[in-house]
Amino acid sequence: MIFRKRNPLLMVILVFGLAACASGRPNNPSTQQLVSECARIADRGERQRCLDTAYRTGGRPQQAAGYEAPPEPVVAVESTGMTESELENFASRYAAAWSSQDPVQLASFYAPDGRLQVNDGEPAIGRAEIAAKVAAFMEGFPDMIVRLVRLEYAGERVRFHWHWTGTNIGPGGTGKAVDLRGFEEWTLAPGGQILQSLGHYDDADYARQVGE
């Protein structure tokens, strides 16, 4: 007898080896490569389908009837390299920054020499000026909330449509509530900082609501 005493580790290796043989799963380099790619798929169901295909076809998923690989993310704005999902996330965080009462946080979404202009007003250039401009809105409306409504894509520009609510209870305020909709038209730098934002809303409607 070669083995008088069973080695637990050896038994585990032997069992798994026999199971692999019984399943007929190939262990060639192409299969290993596809298995590695499958492991990076976030969705559990898609990941399992990918693994099943890898073992069934020997690393050639095109041979598996009915298997479709998850679609590649589509870049929404070429100059940024960002997908629609990434831009939606960026816009949601930007709206939250407008609602945060932290003008420096909002200004951090802009490039160092970025520009923010609202309607026909003078543009704020650079993060310090942008933070000062934003602070005036935040101080006037300390309970302001900005929500993302939707994004629109126009060539290399993105339109951030927003819904703004708040009460003018800051210094010298009228105490009136506002409920406005408008949009900012962004020009974005690669990686997602704002180079220029052109803000638009109805001045007359704002004046009427705030009681000026």
N, C-alpha and C. Protein backbone atom coordinates (compact mmCIF):
# COMPACT_ATOMS: atom_id res chain seq x y z
N MET A 1 0.84 -1.19 0.00
CA MET A 1 0.00 0.00 0.00
C MET A 1 0.88 1.24 0.00
N ILE A 2 0.55 2.20 -0.87
CA ILE A 2 1.32 3.44 -0.92
C ILE A 2 0.84 4.41 0.14
N PHE A 3 -0.53 4.55 0.31
CA PHE A 3 -1.09 5.49 1.27
C PHE A 3 -1.68 4.72 2.44
N ARG A 4 -1.01 4.73 3.54
CA ARG A 4 -1.56 4.10 4.73
C ARG A 4 -2.47 5.07 5.48
N LYS A 5 -2.21 6.40 5.31
CA LYS A 5 -3.00 7.43 5.99
C LYS A 5 -3.46 8.44 4.96
N ARG A 6 -4.76 8.75 5.00
CA ARG A 6 -5.31 9.68 4.01
C ARG A 6 -4.84 11.11 4.27
N ASN A 7 -4.43 11.76 3.19
CA ASN A 7 -4.03 13.17 3.25
C ASN A 7 -5.24 14.01 2.82
N PRO A 8 -5.83 14.82 3.74
CA PRO A 8 -7.05 15.58 3.40
C PRO A 8 -6.87 16.48 2.19
N LEU A 9 -5.74 17.19 2.09
CA LEU A 9 -5.52 18.11 0.99
C LEU A 9 -5.45 17.37 -0.34
N LEU A 10 -4.78 16.22 -0.32
CA LEU A 10 -4.67 15.42 -1.53
C LEU A 10 -6.03 14.91 -1.96
N MET A 11 -6.86 14.54 -1.00
CA MET A 11 -8.19 14.05 -1.32
C MET A 11 -9.04 15.15 -1.97
N VAL A 12 -8.93 16.40 -1.48
CA VAL A 12 -9.70 17.49 -2.06
C VAL A 12 -9.28 17.73 -3.51
N ILE A 13 -7.94 17.75 -3.75
CA ILE A 13 -7.43 17.94 -5.11
C ILE A 13 -7.91 16.84 -6.03
N LEU A 14 -7.88 15.58 -5.52
CA LEU A 14 -8.30 14.44 -6.32
C LEU A 14 -9.78 14.53 -6.67
N VAL A 15 -10.62 14.92 -5.70
CA VAL A 15 -12.06 15.01 -5.94
C VAL A 15 -12.37 16.08 -6.99
N PHE A 16 -11.74 17.25 -6.84
CA PHE A 16 -12.00 18.32 -7.80
C PHE A 16 -11.46 17.99 -9.18
N GLY A 17 -10.35 17.28 -9.22
CA GLY A 17 -9.79 16.87 -10.51
C GLY A 17 -10.72 15.91 -11.23
N LEU A 18 -11.26 14.92 -10.46
CA LEU A 18 -12.19 13.97 -11.06
C LEU A 18 -13.46 14.67 -11.52
N ALA A 19 -13.93 15.68 -10.73
CA ALA A 19 -15.14 16.40 -11.11
C ALA A 19 -14.94 17.17 -12.41
N ALA A 20 -13.78 17.76 -12.54
CA ALA A 20 -13.50 18.50 -13.77
C ALA A 20 -13.47 17.57 -14.96
N CYS A 21 -12.85 16.41 -14.79
CA CYS A 21 -12.79 15.44 -15.89
C CYS A 21 -14.18 14.97 -16.25
N ALA A 22 -15.00 14.69 -15.22
CA ALA A 22 -16.35 14.18 -15.47
C ALA A 22 -17.20 15.22 -16.20
N SER A 23 -16.97 16.49 -15.89
CA SER A 23 -17.77 17.54 -16.53
C SER A 23 -17.34 17.80 -17.96
N GLY A 24 -16.14 17.33 -18.31
CA GLY A 24 -15.64 17.57 -19.66
C GLY A 24 -15.22 18.98 -19.91
N ARG A 25 -14.98 19.74 -18.82
CA ARG A 25 -14.61 21.13 -19.00
C ARG A 25 -13.17 21.23 -19.50
N PRO A 26 -12.94 21.89 -20.63
CA PRO A 26 -11.58 22.05 -21.14
C PRO A 26 -10.81 23.04 -20.28
N ASN A 27 -9.51 22.88 -20.26
CA ASN A 27 -8.66 23.75 -19.46
C ASN A 27 -7.54 24.32 -20.32
N ASN A 28 -7.89 24.76 -21.53
CA ASN A 28 -6.88 25.28 -22.44
C ASN A 28 -6.72 26.79 -22.22
N PRO A 29 -5.67 27.39 -22.80
CA PRO A 29 -5.42 28.83 -22.56
C PRO A 29 -6.57 29.73 -22.97
N SER A 30 -7.25 29.43 -24.08
CA SER A 30 -8.34 30.30 -24.52
C SER A 30 -9.49 30.27 -23.53
N THR A 31 -9.75 29.09 -22.94
CA THR A 31 -10.79 29.00 -21.92
C THR A 31 -10.41 29.80 -20.70
N GLN A 32 -9.16 29.67 -20.27
CA GLN A 32 -8.70 30.42 -19.09
C GLN A 32 -8.82 31.92 -19.32
N GLN A 33 -8.51 32.38 -20.53
CA GLN A 33 -8.61 33.81 -20.83
C GLN A 33 -10.05 34.29 -20.75
N LEU A 34 -10.98 33.50 -21.32
CA LEU A 34 -12.38 33.90 -21.29
C LEU A 34 -12.94 33.87 -19.87
N VAL A 35 -12.52 32.87 -19.09
CA VAL A 35 -12.95 32.79 -17.69
C VAL A 35 -12.51 34.03 -16.94
N SER A 36 -11.27 34.46 -17.23
CA SER A 36 -10.76 35.68 -16.59
C SER A 36 -11.60 36.89 -16.98
N GLU A 37 -12.00 36.96 -18.26
CA GLU A 37 -12.84 38.07 -18.72
C GLU A 37 -14.23 38.00 -18.09
N CYS A 38 -14.75 36.78 -17.94
CA CYS A 38 -16.07 36.61 -17.34
C CYS A 38 -16.09 37.11 -15.90
N ALA A 39 -15.00 36.89 -15.20
CA ALA A 39 -14.94 37.26 -13.78
C ALA A 39 -15.08 38.75 -13.57
N ARG A 40 -14.86 39.54 -14.63
CA ARG A 40 -14.96 41.00 -14.49
C ARG A 40 -16.36 41.52 -14.75
N ILE A 41 -17.29 40.65 -15.14
CA ILE A 41 -18.67 41.07 -15.40
C ILE A 41 -19.39 41.25 -14.07
N ALA A 42 -19.98 42.44 -13.86
CA ALA A 42 -20.59 42.75 -12.57
C ALA A 42 -21.89 41.99 -12.34
N ASP A 43 -22.74 41.88 -13.39
CA ASP A 43 -24.03 41.23 -13.22
C ASP A 43 -23.83 39.72 -13.02
N ARG A 44 -24.41 39.20 -11.95
CA ARG A 44 -24.18 37.79 -11.59
C ARG A 44 -24.70 36.83 -12.66
N GLY A 45 -25.91 37.14 -13.18
CA GLY A 45 -26.48 36.25 -14.19
C GLY A 45 -25.65 36.23 -15.47
N GLU A 46 -25.24 37.43 -15.93
CA GLU A 46 -24.41 37.50 -17.13
C GLU A 46 -23.07 36.81 -16.91
N ARG A 47 -22.51 36.97 -15.71
CA ARG A 47 -21.23 36.35 -15.41
C ARG A 47 -21.32 34.83 -15.48
N GLN A 48 -22.42 34.25 -14.94
CA GLN A 48 -22.58 32.80 -14.96
C GLN A 48 -22.79 32.29 -16.38
N ARG A 49 -23.56 33.04 -17.19
CA ARG A 49 -23.76 32.65 -18.59
C ARG A 49 -22.43 32.63 -19.33
N CYS A 50 -21.63 33.67 -19.05
CA CYS A 50 -20.32 33.75 -19.70
C CYS A 50 -19.44 32.56 -19.31
N LEU A 51 -19.43 32.20 -18.02
CA LEU A 51 -18.62 31.07 -17.56
C LEU A 51 -19.10 29.76 -18.18
N ASP A 52 -20.41 29.56 -18.22
CA ASP A 52 -20.96 28.34 -18.82
C ASP A 52 -20.53 28.23 -20.28
N THR A 53 -20.55 29.38 -20.97
CA THR A 53 -20.16 29.40 -22.38
C THR A 53 -18.68 29.08 -22.54
N ALA A 54 -17.87 29.62 -21.66
CA ALA A 54 -16.43 29.39 -21.74
C ALA A 54 -16.11 27.91 -21.66
N TYR A 55 -16.75 27.21 -20.72
CA TYR A 55 -16.47 25.79 -20.56
C TYR A 55 -17.11 24.95 -21.67
N ARG A 56 -18.28 25.42 -22.17
CA ARG A 56 -18.99 24.64 -23.18
C ARG A 56 -18.32 24.71 -24.54
N THR A 57 -17.67 25.85 -24.83
CA THR A 57 -17.13 26.06 -26.17
C THR A 57 -15.61 26.08 -26.22
N GLY A 58 -14.97 25.84 -25.08
CA GLY A 58 -13.51 25.85 -25.08
C GLY A 58 -12.93 27.22 -25.32
N GLY A 59 -13.61 28.25 -24.82
CA GLY A 59 -13.09 29.61 -24.94
C GLY A 59 -13.51 30.32 -26.20
N ARG A 60 -14.53 29.78 -26.91
CA ARG A 60 -14.99 30.41 -28.15
C ARG A 60 -16.47 30.71 -28.01
N PRO A 61 -16.84 31.87 -27.37
CA PRO A 61 -18.24 32.15 -27.06
C PRO A 61 -19.13 32.25 -28.29
N GLN A 62 -18.56 32.54 -29.44
CA GLN A 62 -19.39 32.66 -30.63
C GLN A 62 -20.01 31.33 -31.04
N GLN A 63 -19.48 30.22 -30.47
CA GLN A 63 -20.02 28.91 -30.82
C GLN A 63 -21.24 28.55 -29.97
N ALA A 64 -21.51 29.31 -28.93
CA ALA A 64 -22.62 28.98 -28.04
C ALA A 64 -23.90 29.60 -28.57
N ALA A 65 -24.87 28.76 -28.92
CA ALA A 65 -26.12 29.26 -29.45
C ALA A 65 -26.85 30.08 -28.40
N GLY A 66 -27.28 31.27 -28.79
CA GLY A 66 -28.08 32.10 -27.91
C GLY A 66 -27.29 32.98 -26.96
N TYR A 67 -25.97 32.84 -26.92
CA TYR A 67 -25.20 33.68 -25.99
C TYR A 67 -24.88 35.01 -26.65
N GLU A 68 -25.16 36.08 -25.93
CA GLU A 68 -24.82 37.42 -26.39
C GLU A 68 -24.03 38.12 -25.31
N ALA A 69 -22.85 38.60 -25.65
CA ALA A 69 -22.03 39.32 -24.68
C ALA A 69 -22.70 40.64 -24.33
N PRO A 70 -22.52 41.12 -23.09
CA PRO A 70 -23.08 42.42 -22.72
C PRO A 70 -22.56 43.51 -23.65
N PRO A 71 -23.42 44.46 -24.04
CA PRO A 71 -22.98 45.52 -24.97
C PRO A 71 -21.90 46.40 -24.37
N GLU A 72 -21.01 46.87 -25.22
CA GLU A 72 -19.97 47.79 -24.78
C GLU A 72 -20.60 49.16 -24.46
N PRO A 73 -20.15 49.83 -23.39
CA PRO A 73 -20.69 51.17 -23.09
C PRO A 73 -20.43 52.12 -24.25
N VAL A 74 -21.42 52.97 -24.54
CA VAL A 74 -21.32 53.92 -25.65
C VAL A 74 -20.92 55.28 -25.11
N VAL A 75 -19.88 55.87 -25.69
CA VAL A 75 -19.44 57.19 -25.29
C VAL A 75 -20.47 58.21 -25.78
N ALA A 76 -20.97 59.04 -24.86
CA ALA A 76 -22.02 60.01 -25.20
C ALA A 76 -21.45 61.28 -25.81
N VAL A 77 -20.33 61.75 -25.28
CA VAL A 77 -19.71 62.97 -25.77
C VAL A 77 -18.23 62.67 -26.01
N GLU A 78 -17.83 62.69 -27.28
CA GLU A 78 -16.49 62.23 -27.65
C GLU A 78 -15.39 62.99 -26.93
N SER A 79 -15.54 64.30 -26.77
CA SER A 79 -14.47 65.11 -26.18
C SER A 79 -14.19 64.74 -24.73
N THR A 80 -15.19 64.16 -24.05
CA THR A 80 -15.01 63.79 -22.63
C THR A 80 -14.63 62.34 -22.45
N GLY A 81 -14.99 61.48 -23.40
CA GLY A 81 -14.78 60.05 -23.23
C GLY A 81 -15.73 59.44 -22.23
N MET A 82 -16.79 60.16 -21.84
CA MET A 82 -17.72 59.69 -20.81
C MET A 82 -18.97 59.07 -21.44
N THR A 83 -19.45 58.01 -20.81
CA THR A 83 -20.69 57.37 -21.27
C THR A 83 -21.88 58.13 -20.70
N GLU A 84 -23.08 57.80 -21.20
CA GLU A 84 -24.29 58.43 -20.68
C GLU A 84 -24.45 58.16 -19.19
N SER A 85 -24.13 56.93 -18.77
CA SER A 85 -24.24 56.58 -17.35
C SER A 85 -23.30 57.44 -16.51
N GLU A 86 -22.08 57.63 -16.97
CA GLU A 86 -21.11 58.45 -16.24
C GLU A 86 -21.54 59.91 -16.19
N LEU A 87 -22.11 60.42 -17.29
CA LEU A 87 -22.58 61.79 -17.31
C LEU A 87 -23.80 61.98 -16.41
N GLU A 88 -24.68 60.98 -16.37
CA GLU A 88 -25.83 61.04 -15.45
C GLU A 88 -25.35 61.11 -14.01
N ASN A 89 -24.35 60.31 -13.68
CA ASN A 89 -23.79 60.32 -12.33
C ASN A 89 -23.17 61.67 -12.01
N PHE A 90 -22.42 62.23 -12.97
CA PHE A 90 -21.79 63.54 -12.80
C PHE A 90 -22.86 64.60 -12.56
N ALA A 91 -23.93 64.58 -13.37
CA ALA A 91 -24.98 65.59 -13.26
C ALA A 91 -25.73 65.46 -11.93
N SER A 92 -25.94 64.24 -11.46
CA SER A 92 -26.62 64.03 -10.18
C SER A 92 -25.78 64.61 -9.03
N ARG A 93 -24.47 64.39 -9.10
CA ARG A 93 -23.59 64.92 -8.06
C ARG A 93 -23.51 66.44 -8.13
N TYR A 94 -23.57 66.98 -9.35
CA TYR A 94 -23.55 68.43 -9.54
C TYR A 94 -24.81 69.06 -8.94
N ALA A 95 -25.97 68.45 -9.18
CA ALA A 95 -27.21 68.94 -8.60
C ALA A 95 -27.15 68.90 -7.07
N ALA A 96 -26.59 67.81 -6.53
CA ALA A 96 -26.45 67.70 -5.08
C ALA A 96 -25.53 68.78 -4.53
N ALA A 97 -24.49 69.15 -5.29
CA ALA A 97 -23.59 70.21 -4.86
C ALA A 97 -24.30 71.56 -4.83
N TRP A 98 -25.19 71.82 -5.79
CA TRP A 98 -25.99 73.05 -5.77
C TRP A 98 -26.87 73.09 -4.53
N SER A 99 -27.29 71.96 -4.05
CA SER A 99 -28.19 71.87 -2.89
C SER A 99 -27.45 71.80 -1.56
N SER A 100 -26.13 71.83 -1.60
CA SER A 100 -25.32 71.52 -0.41
C SER A 100 -25.01 72.71 0.49
N GLN A 101 -25.27 73.93 0.02
CA GLN A 101 -24.86 75.14 0.73
C GLN A 101 -23.33 75.23 0.87
N ASP A 102 -22.63 74.61 -0.05
CA ASP A 102 -21.15 74.64 -0.06
C ASP A 102 -20.69 75.11 -1.44
N PRO A 103 -20.48 76.41 -1.62
CA PRO A 103 -20.12 76.93 -2.94
C PRO A 103 -18.77 76.42 -3.45
N VAL A 104 -17.85 76.12 -2.54
CA VAL A 104 -16.55 75.60 -2.96
C VAL A 104 -16.70 74.20 -3.57
N GLN A 105 -17.59 73.39 -2.99
CA GLN A 105 -17.85 72.06 -3.54
C GLN A 105 -18.41 72.17 -4.95
N LEU A 106 -19.35 73.09 -5.16
CA LEU A 106 -19.91 73.28 -6.51
C LEU A 106 -18.84 73.74 -7.48
N ALA A 107 -17.99 74.68 -7.06
CA ALA A 107 -16.95 75.20 -7.94
C ALA A 107 -15.94 74.13 -8.33
N SER A 108 -15.80 73.09 -7.51
CA SER A 108 -14.83 72.02 -7.82
C SER A 108 -15.21 71.21 -9.05
N PHE A 109 -16.45 71.33 -9.51
CA PHE A 109 -16.88 70.63 -10.73
C PHE A 109 -16.35 71.33 -11.98
N TYR A 110 -15.81 72.54 -11.82
CA TYR A 110 -15.33 73.33 -12.95
C TYR A 110 -13.82 73.18 -13.10
N ALA A 111 -13.36 73.35 -14.33
CA ALA A 111 -11.92 73.42 -14.58
C ALA A 111 -11.38 74.66 -13.87
N PRO A 112 -10.07 74.68 -13.57
CA PRO A 112 -9.50 75.84 -12.86
C PRO A 112 -9.82 77.18 -13.52
N ASP A 113 -9.91 77.21 -14.86
CA ASP A 113 -10.25 78.45 -15.57
C ASP A 113 -11.65 78.37 -16.17
N GLY A 114 -12.53 77.56 -15.55
CA GLY A 114 -13.89 77.41 -16.05
C GLY A 114 -14.71 78.68 -15.93
N ARG A 115 -15.82 78.72 -16.68
CA ARG A 115 -16.68 79.91 -16.73
C ARG A 115 -18.11 79.51 -16.42
N LEU A 116 -18.79 80.34 -15.61
CA LEU A 116 -20.21 80.17 -15.33
C LEU A 116 -20.91 81.49 -15.62
N GLN A 117 -21.87 81.44 -16.56
CA GLN A 117 -22.65 82.63 -16.89
C GLN A 117 -24.12 82.28 -16.78
N VAL A 118 -24.89 83.18 -16.12
CA VAL A 118 -26.33 82.96 -15.94
C VAL A 118 -27.08 84.01 -16.74
N ASN A 119 -27.90 83.57 -17.69
CA ASN A 119 -28.62 84.46 -18.60
C ASN A 119 -27.65 85.47 -19.22
N ASP A 120 -27.95 86.76 -19.14
CA ASP A 120 -27.08 87.76 -19.77
C ASP A 120 -26.13 88.42 -18.77
N GLY A 121 -25.96 87.80 -17.60
CA GLY A 121 -25.10 88.39 -16.59
C GLY A 121 -23.62 88.24 -16.93
N GLU A 122 -22.80 88.92 -16.13
CA GLU A 122 -21.36 88.82 -16.32
C GLU A 122 -20.88 87.42 -15.96
N PRO A 123 -19.99 86.84 -16.75
CA PRO A 123 -19.51 85.50 -16.43
C PRO A 123 -18.57 85.51 -15.23
N ALA A 124 -18.66 84.47 -14.43
CA ALA A 124 -17.69 84.23 -13.36
C ALA A 124 -16.62 83.34 -13.96
N ILE A 125 -15.35 83.74 -13.84
CA ILE A 125 -14.25 83.01 -14.47
C ILE A 125 -13.29 82.54 -13.38
N GLY A 126 -13.03 81.23 -13.36
CA GLY A 126 -12.17 80.65 -12.34
C GLY A 126 -13.00 80.20 -11.14
N ARG A 127 -12.46 79.25 -10.40
CA ARG A 127 -13.23 78.65 -9.31
C ARG A 127 -13.59 79.63 -8.20
N ALA A 128 -12.70 80.59 -7.90
CA ALA A 128 -12.98 81.55 -6.83
C ALA A 128 -14.19 82.41 -7.19
N GLU A 129 -14.23 82.92 -8.43
CA GLU A 129 -15.37 83.74 -8.86
C GLU A 129 -16.64 82.91 -8.95
N ILE A 130 -16.51 81.69 -9.42
CA ILE A 130 -17.69 80.81 -9.51
C ILE A 130 -18.25 80.55 -8.12
N ALA A 131 -17.37 80.25 -7.15
CA ALA A 131 -17.82 80.00 -5.78
C ALA A 131 -18.54 81.23 -5.22
N ALA A 132 -18.03 82.44 -5.52
CA ALA A 132 -18.66 83.67 -5.03
C ALA A 132 -20.04 83.86 -5.65
N LYS A 133 -20.16 83.58 -6.94
CA LYS A 133 -21.44 83.74 -7.63
C LYS A 133 -22.47 82.75 -7.08
N VAL A 134 -22.04 81.52 -6.88
CA VAL A 134 -22.92 80.48 -6.37
C VAL A 134 -23.33 80.79 -4.93
N ALA A 135 -22.39 81.34 -4.14
CA ALA A 135 -22.68 81.66 -2.74
C ALA A 135 -23.83 82.65 -2.63
N ALA A 136 -23.94 83.59 -3.59
CA ALA A 136 -25.02 84.57 -3.55
C ALA A 136 -26.39 83.88 -3.66
N PHE A 137 -26.49 82.87 -4.52
CA PHE A 137 -27.74 82.10 -4.63
C PHE A 137 -27.99 81.32 -3.33
N MET A 138 -26.96 80.68 -2.83
CA MET A 138 -27.12 79.83 -1.64
C MET A 138 -27.49 80.66 -0.41
N GLU A 139 -26.90 81.85 -0.27
CA GLU A 139 -27.22 82.71 0.87
C GLU A 139 -28.65 83.25 0.78
N GLY A 140 -29.07 83.57 -0.43
CA GLY A 140 -30.42 84.09 -0.61
C GLY A 140 -31.49 83.03 -0.40
N PHE A 141 -31.12 81.76 -0.70
CA PHE A 141 -32.07 80.65 -0.59
C PHE A 141 -31.42 79.51 0.20
N PRO A 142 -31.34 79.65 1.53
CA PRO A 142 -30.63 78.65 2.33
C PRO A 142 -31.25 77.26 2.31
N ASP A 143 -32.49 77.16 1.86
CA ASP A 143 -33.14 75.84 1.77
C ASP A 143 -33.25 75.36 0.33
N MET A 144 -32.47 75.95 -0.56
CA MET A 144 -32.63 75.63 -1.98
C MET A 144 -32.28 74.17 -2.29
N ILE A 145 -33.06 73.60 -3.18
CA ILE A 145 -32.84 72.24 -3.66
C ILE A 145 -32.82 72.29 -5.19
N VAL A 146 -31.80 71.72 -5.79
CA VAL A 146 -31.71 71.60 -7.24
C VAL A 146 -31.75 70.12 -7.60
N ARG A 147 -32.63 69.77 -8.51
CA ARG A 147 -32.79 68.37 -8.93
C ARG A 147 -32.49 68.24 -10.42
N LEU A 148 -31.85 67.16 -10.78
CA LEU A 148 -31.64 66.84 -12.19
C LEU A 148 -32.96 66.38 -12.79
N VAL A 149 -33.36 67.01 -13.90
CA VAL A 149 -34.56 66.59 -14.63
C VAL A 149 -34.18 65.62 -15.74
N ARG A 150 -33.25 66.04 -16.60
CA ARG A 150 -32.77 65.18 -17.68
C ARG A 150 -31.53 65.81 -18.28
N LEU A 151 -30.83 65.04 -19.09
CA LEU A 151 -29.70 65.52 -19.87
C LEU A 151 -30.03 65.43 -21.34
N GLU A 152 -29.55 66.40 -22.10
CA GLU A 152 -29.66 66.37 -23.56
C GLU A 152 -28.26 66.50 -24.13
N TYR A 153 -28.03 65.85 -25.26
CA TYR A 153 -26.72 65.87 -25.90
C TYR A 153 -26.84 66.56 -27.25
N ALA A 154 -26.02 67.59 -27.43
CA ALA A 154 -26.01 68.34 -28.69
C ALA A 154 -24.58 68.46 -29.15
N GLY A 155 -24.14 67.49 -29.97
CA GLY A 155 -22.76 67.48 -30.42
C GLY A 155 -21.81 67.31 -29.25
N GLU A 156 -20.95 68.28 -29.05
CA GLU A 156 -19.98 68.23 -27.96
C GLU A 156 -20.48 68.92 -26.70
N ARG A 157 -21.72 69.33 -26.68
CA ARG A 157 -22.29 70.01 -25.53
C ARG A 157 -23.35 69.16 -24.85
N VAL A 158 -23.52 69.41 -23.55
CA VAL A 158 -24.51 68.69 -22.75
C VAL A 158 -25.42 69.72 -22.10
N ARG A 159 -26.73 69.51 -22.21
CA ARG A 159 -27.68 70.38 -21.52
C ARG A 159 -28.18 69.69 -20.25
N PHE A 160 -27.91 70.36 -19.14
CA PHE A 160 -28.32 69.89 -17.82
C PHE A 160 -29.61 70.61 -17.43
N HIS A 161 -30.74 69.91 -17.57
CA HIS A 161 -32.03 70.50 -17.24
C HIS A 161 -32.30 70.29 -15.75
N TRP A 162 -32.66 71.39 -15.05
CA TRP A 162 -32.81 71.34 -13.62
C TRP A 162 -34.18 71.85 -13.16
N HIS A 163 -34.50 71.48 -11.91
CA HIS A 163 -35.70 71.98 -11.23
C HIS A 163 -35.23 72.54 -9.89
N TRP A 164 -35.46 73.83 -9.69
CA TRP A 164 -34.95 74.54 -8.51
C TRP A 164 -36.12 75.00 -7.64
N THR A 165 -36.08 74.64 -6.36
CA THR A 165 -37.06 75.13 -5.39
C THR A 165 -36.31 75.72 -4.20
N GLY A 166 -36.91 76.70 -3.55
CA GLY A 166 -36.30 77.31 -2.37
C GLY A 166 -37.10 78.50 -1.90
N THR A 167 -36.71 79.03 -0.75
CA THR A 167 -37.40 80.17 -0.16
C THR A 167 -36.42 81.30 0.06
N ASN A 168 -36.77 82.50 -0.38
CA ASN A 168 -35.88 83.65 -0.31
C ASN A 168 -35.90 84.24 1.11
N ILE A 169 -35.25 83.52 2.02
CA ILE A 169 -35.24 83.92 3.43
C ILE A 169 -33.84 84.31 3.89
N GLY A 170 -32.92 84.52 2.93
CA GLY A 170 -31.59 84.99 3.28
C GLY A 170 -31.61 86.48 3.60
N PRO A 171 -30.45 87.09 3.84
CA PRO A 171 -30.37 88.51 4.17
C PRO A 171 -31.10 89.38 3.13
N GLY A 172 -32.05 90.20 3.60
CA GLY A 172 -32.80 91.08 2.71
C GLY A 172 -33.80 90.36 1.84
N GLY A 173 -34.10 89.10 2.14
CA GLY A 173 -35.02 88.32 1.32
C GLY A 173 -36.47 88.73 1.49
N THR A 174 -37.29 88.28 0.56
CA THR A 174 -38.71 88.62 0.57
C THR A 174 -39.55 87.59 1.30
N GLY A 175 -38.95 86.45 1.61
CA GLY A 175 -39.70 85.38 2.27
C GLY A 175 -40.55 84.57 1.33
N LYS A 176 -40.48 84.85 0.03
CA LYS A 176 -41.31 84.14 -0.95
C LYS A 176 -40.59 82.87 -1.44
N ALA A 177 -41.41 81.89 -1.79
CA ALA A 177 -40.88 80.63 -2.33
C ALA A 177 -40.78 80.73 -3.85
N VAL A 178 -39.80 80.05 -4.41
CA VAL A 178 -39.66 79.96 -5.87
C VAL A 178 -39.68 78.50 -6.30
N ASP A 179 -40.18 78.30 -7.49
CA ASP A 179 -40.24 76.96 -8.09
C ASP A 179 -39.99 77.17 -9.58
N LEU A 180 -38.74 76.97 -9.99
CA LEU A 180 -38.32 77.29 -11.35
C LEU A 180 -37.70 76.09 -12.05
N ARG A 181 -37.77 76.13 -13.36
CA ARG A 181 -37.08 75.15 -14.20
C ARG A 181 -36.22 75.89 -15.21
N GLY A 182 -35.10 75.30 -15.55
CA GLY A 182 -34.21 75.90 -16.53
C GLY A 182 -33.15 74.89 -16.93
N PHE A 183 -32.06 75.37 -17.50
CA PHE A 183 -31.00 74.45 -17.89
C PHE A 183 -29.67 75.17 -17.94
N GLU A 184 -28.61 74.40 -17.83
CA GLU A 184 -27.25 74.87 -18.09
C GLU A 184 -26.74 74.12 -19.30
N GLU A 185 -26.05 74.83 -20.18
CA GLU A 185 -25.43 74.20 -21.34
C GLU A 185 -23.93 74.11 -21.08
N TRP A 186 -23.46 72.88 -20.96
CA TRP A 186 -22.06 72.64 -20.58
C TRP A 186 -21.17 72.38 -21.78
N THR A 187 -19.97 72.91 -21.72
CA THR A 187 -18.85 72.45 -22.52
C THR A 187 -17.89 71.79 -21.54
N LEU A 188 -17.58 70.52 -21.80
CA LEU A 188 -16.83 69.72 -20.84
C LEU A 188 -15.41 69.43 -21.32
N ALA A 189 -14.50 69.34 -20.37
CA ALA A 189 -13.12 68.94 -20.66
C ALA A 189 -13.03 67.42 -20.60
N PRO A 190 -11.99 66.82 -21.21
CA PRO A 190 -11.80 65.37 -21.07
C PRO A 190 -11.74 64.99 -19.59
N GLY A 191 -12.50 63.95 -19.25
CA GLY A 191 -12.53 63.51 -17.86
C GLY A 191 -13.66 64.12 -17.06
N GLY A 192 -14.33 65.17 -17.60
CA GLY A 192 -15.57 65.60 -16.98
C GLY A 192 -15.61 66.89 -16.21
N GLN A 193 -14.58 67.74 -16.23
CA GLN A 193 -14.71 69.05 -15.60
C GLN A 193 -15.39 70.02 -16.57
N ILE A 194 -16.11 70.99 -16.00
CA ILE A 194 -16.86 71.94 -16.82
C ILE A 194 -15.94 73.09 -17.25
N LEU A 195 -15.81 73.27 -18.55
CA LEU A 195 -15.05 74.40 -19.08
C LEU A 195 -15.92 75.65 -19.12
N GLN A 196 -17.18 75.47 -19.51
CA GLN A 196 -18.10 76.60 -19.57
C GLN A 196 -19.52 76.11 -19.32
N SER A 197 -20.25 76.88 -18.52
CA SER A 197 -21.66 76.60 -18.29
C SER A 197 -22.45 77.87 -18.58
N LEU A 198 -23.41 77.77 -19.48
CA LEU A 198 -24.31 78.88 -19.81
C LEU A 198 -25.67 78.56 -19.22
N GLY A 199 -26.02 79.26 -18.13
CA GLY A 199 -27.27 79.00 -17.44
C GLY A 199 -28.42 79.81 -18.01
N HIS A 200 -29.60 79.19 -18.06
CA HIS A 200 -30.78 79.86 -18.62
C HIS A 200 -32.01 79.57 -17.74
N TYR A 201 -32.70 80.62 -17.36
CA TYR A 201 -34.02 80.50 -16.75
C TYR A 201 -34.80 81.77 -17.04
N ASP A 202 -36.12 81.76 -16.76
CA ASP A 202 -36.99 82.88 -17.08
C ASP A 202 -36.85 83.95 -15.99
N ASP A 203 -36.15 85.05 -16.31
CA ASP A 203 -35.94 86.14 -15.36
C ASP A 203 -37.25 86.74 -14.87
N ALA A 204 -38.18 86.93 -15.79
CA ALA A 204 -39.46 87.56 -15.43
C ALA A 204 -40.25 86.68 -14.47
N ASP A 205 -40.24 85.38 -14.73
CA ASP A 205 -40.95 84.46 -13.85
C ASP A 205 -40.29 84.44 -12.46
N TYR A 206 -38.96 84.47 -12.43
CA TYR A 206 -38.25 84.50 -11.16
C TYR A 206 -38.63 85.75 -10.36
N ALA A 207 -38.63 86.93 -11.01
CA ALA A 207 -38.95 88.19 -10.36
C ALA A 207 -40.38 88.17 -9.81
N ARG A 208 -41.28 87.59 -10.58
CA ARG A 208 -42.68 87.52 -10.15
C ARG A 208 -42.82 86.64 -8.91
N GLN A 209 -42.14 85.47 -8.93
CA GLN A 209 -42.27 84.54 -7.81
C GLN A 209 -41.63 85.07 -6.53
N VAL A 210 -40.47 85.70 -6.69
CA VAL A 210 -39.75 86.15 -5.50
C VAL A 210 -40.31 87.46 -4.97
N GLY A 211 -41.18 88.10 -5.76
CA GLY A 211 -41.84 89.31 -5.29
C GLY A 211 -41.03 90.57 -5.40
N GLU A 212 -40.11 90.63 -6.37
CA GLU A 212 -39.30 91.84 -6.55
C GLU A 212 -40.10 92.94 -7.25
